[in-house]
Protein backbone atom coordinates (compact mmCIF):
# COMPACT_ATOMS: atom_id res chain seq x y z
CA MET A 1 0.00 0.00 0.00
CA THR A 2 1.20 3.47 -0.79
CA VAL A 3 -0.19 6.81 0.29
CA THR A 4 0.64 9.87 -1.76
CA PHE A 5 -0.26 13.34 -0.54
CA ASP A 6 -0.41 16.03 -3.19
CA ASN A 7 -1.52 19.47 -4.19
CA PRO A 8 -2.33 19.20 -7.90
CA PRO A 9 -2.14 22.08 -10.34
CA GLY A 10 -5.39 23.95 -10.87
CA VAL A 11 -6.06 24.62 -7.17
CA ARG A 12 -4.49 27.22 -4.92
CA ALA A 13 -1.63 25.94 -2.76
CA PRO A 14 -2.76 25.09 0.77
CA GLY A 15 -2.85 28.02 3.16
CA GLY A 16 -1.60 25.87 6.02
CA ARG A 17 -0.04 22.55 6.91
CA TYR A 18 -2.25 20.16 4.91
CA SER A 19 -2.58 18.52 1.49
CA HIS A 20 -5.51 18.81 -0.89
CA ALA A 21 -5.63 15.08 -1.54
CA ALA A 22 -4.48 11.72 -0.25
CA ARG A 23 -4.31 8.86 -2.77
CA ILE A 24 -4.38 5.42 -1.19
CA ALA A 25 -3.29 2.69 -3.58
CA GLY A 26 -3.12 -1.04 -3.06
CA GLY A 27 -5.89 -2.45 -0.88
CA ALA A 28 -5.02 -0.73 2.38
CA ALA A 29 -7.07 -1.32 5.49
CA ARG A 30 -8.50 1.93 6.87
CA LEU A 31 -9.34 3.09 10.36
CA VAL A 32 -12.17 5.62 10.54
CA ILE A 33 -12.03 7.48 13.85
CA SER A 34 -15.04 9.16 15.43
CA GLY A 35 -14.78 12.77 16.49
CA GLN A 36 -12.53 13.12 19.53
CA ILE A 37 -13.42 15.87 21.98
CA GLY A 38 -11.39 17.45 24.75
CA VAL A 39 -12.61 15.21 27.56
CA THR A 40 -10.27 13.29 29.86
CA THR A 41 -10.71 9.58 30.61
CA ASP A 42 -12.37 10.50 33.92
CA GLY A 43 -14.92 12.71 32.12
CA ARG A 44 -13.39 16.07 32.98
CA VAL A 45 -13.67 18.89 30.42
CA PRO A 46 -10.69 21.26 30.59
CA PRO A 47 -11.83 24.84 31.19
CA ASP A 48 -10.08 26.52 28.24
CA GLY A 49 -10.00 25.91 24.51
CA GLU A 50 -6.29 25.27 24.15
CA ALA A 51 -6.40 22.58 26.85
CA GLN A 52 -9.41 20.99 25.15
CA ILE A 53 -7.54 20.92 21.83
CA ALA A 54 -4.54 19.30 23.51
CA GLN A 55 -6.83 16.71 25.12
CA ALA A 56 -8.67 15.98 21.86
CA LEU A 57 -5.30 15.36 20.18
CA ALA A 58 -4.23 13.14 23.10
CA ASN A 59 -7.46 11.17 22.69
CA LEU A 60 -6.85 10.85 18.95
CA LYS A 61 -3.31 9.64 19.65
CA ALA A 62 -4.67 7.03 22.09
CA VAL A 63 -7.17 5.70 19.53
CA LEU A 64 -4.42 5.47 16.91
CA ALA A 65 -2.02 3.79 19.35
CA GLY A 66 -4.73 1.32 20.32
CA HIS A 67 -4.57 0.10 16.72
CA GLY A 68 -0.80 0.20 16.38
CA LEU A 69 -0.84 3.47 14.43
CA GLY A 70 0.38 7.04 14.87
CA PHE A 71 -0.27 10.49 13.45
CA ALA A 72 1.83 9.63 10.36
CA ASN A 73 -0.85 7.06 9.39
CA ILE A 74 -3.59 9.70 9.17
CA VAL A 75 -4.70 10.49 5.62
CA LYS A 76 -7.62 12.84 6.44
CA VAL A 77 -8.47 15.00 9.43
CA THR A 78 -11.60 17.09 9.99
CA VAL A 79 -11.66 19.65 12.78
CA PHE A 80 -14.64 21.47 14.24
CA LEU A 81 -13.99 24.57 16.37
CA THR A 82 -16.62 26.76 18.00
CA ASP A 83 -14.57 29.97 18.01
CA THR A 84 -12.27 31.52 15.40
CA ALA A 85 -9.94 32.53 18.26
CA LEU A 86 -9.04 28.82 18.54
CA ILE A 87 -7.64 28.57 15.01
CA GLY A 88 -4.16 29.73 16.10
CA PRO A 89 -3.96 27.33 19.07
CA TRP A 90 -5.28 24.51 16.86
CA ARG A 91 -2.61 25.11 14.23
CA SER A 92 0.15 25.29 16.83
CA LEU A 93 -0.91 22.10 18.63
CA ARG A 94 -1.60 20.30 15.35
CA SER A 95 1.92 21.12 14.17
CA ALA A 96 3.37 19.77 17.42
CA ALA A 97 1.39 16.53 17.04
CA PHE A 98 1.70 15.96 13.29
CA GLY A 99 5.18 17.40 12.70
CA ASP A 100 5.88 17.55 8.96
CA HIS A 101 3.04 15.13 8.14
CA ALA A 102 0.41 17.01 6.12
CA PRO A 103 -2.72 14.88 5.52
CA ALA A 104 -5.79 16.12 3.69
CA SER A 105 -7.57 18.44 6.10
CA THR A 106 -10.79 20.35 6.65
CA LEU A 107 -11.26 22.98 9.36
CA LEU A 108 -14.73 24.25 10.17
CA VAL A 109 -15.92 26.86 12.64
CA VAL A 110 -19.36 25.83 13.86
CA ALA A 111 -22.06 27.32 16.08
CA GLY A 112 -21.77 24.51 18.60
CA LEU A 113 -21.05 20.87 19.35
CA ALA A 114 -23.04 18.17 21.19
CA ASP A 115 -22.45 19.83 24.59
CA PRO A 116 -22.05 23.59 25.07
CA ALA A 117 -18.88 22.95 27.14
CA TYR A 118 -17.12 21.38 24.13
CA VAL A 119 -15.16 23.74 21.86
CA VAL A 120 -13.30 21.26 19.60
CA GLU A 121 -13.90 17.94 17.88
CA VAL A 122 -11.35 16.14 15.71
CA GLU A 123 -12.18 13.19 13.48
CA ALA A 124 -9.72 11.34 11.29
CA GLU A 125 -9.12 8.53 8.84
CA ALA A 126 -5.91 6.51 8.95
CA VAL A 127 -4.46 3.66 6.93
CA PHE A 128 -2.63 0.58 8.12
CA PRO A 129 0.79 -0.13 6.62
CA ALA A 130 0.92 -2.97 4.12
């Protein structure tokens, strides 16, 4: 299985650390990950947005690790934020977690999530190595 990330001609270059497309070739098994929110294993919701983003990424990392994968296996990430002020913290924490890996990505600012206390939700798709 090979995964190729690209930014084809005919579309504007990405404005951040992501790729426009991820091509998965060769019968790869996929892991589709439900939206991860900033809630700790004991059910606590951190009081600020940056801490919730960090926790959501920690939860995503735990789901990946539970399947023998890491951030480098992610081919698509979708992020929901409830406040544009969280875009900077998201980008900073995403860069720390993903490093140079730039999967296809969508970032949305929404009116709300399932609970008013939640300010971030991160869902992802990953592929297993061949």
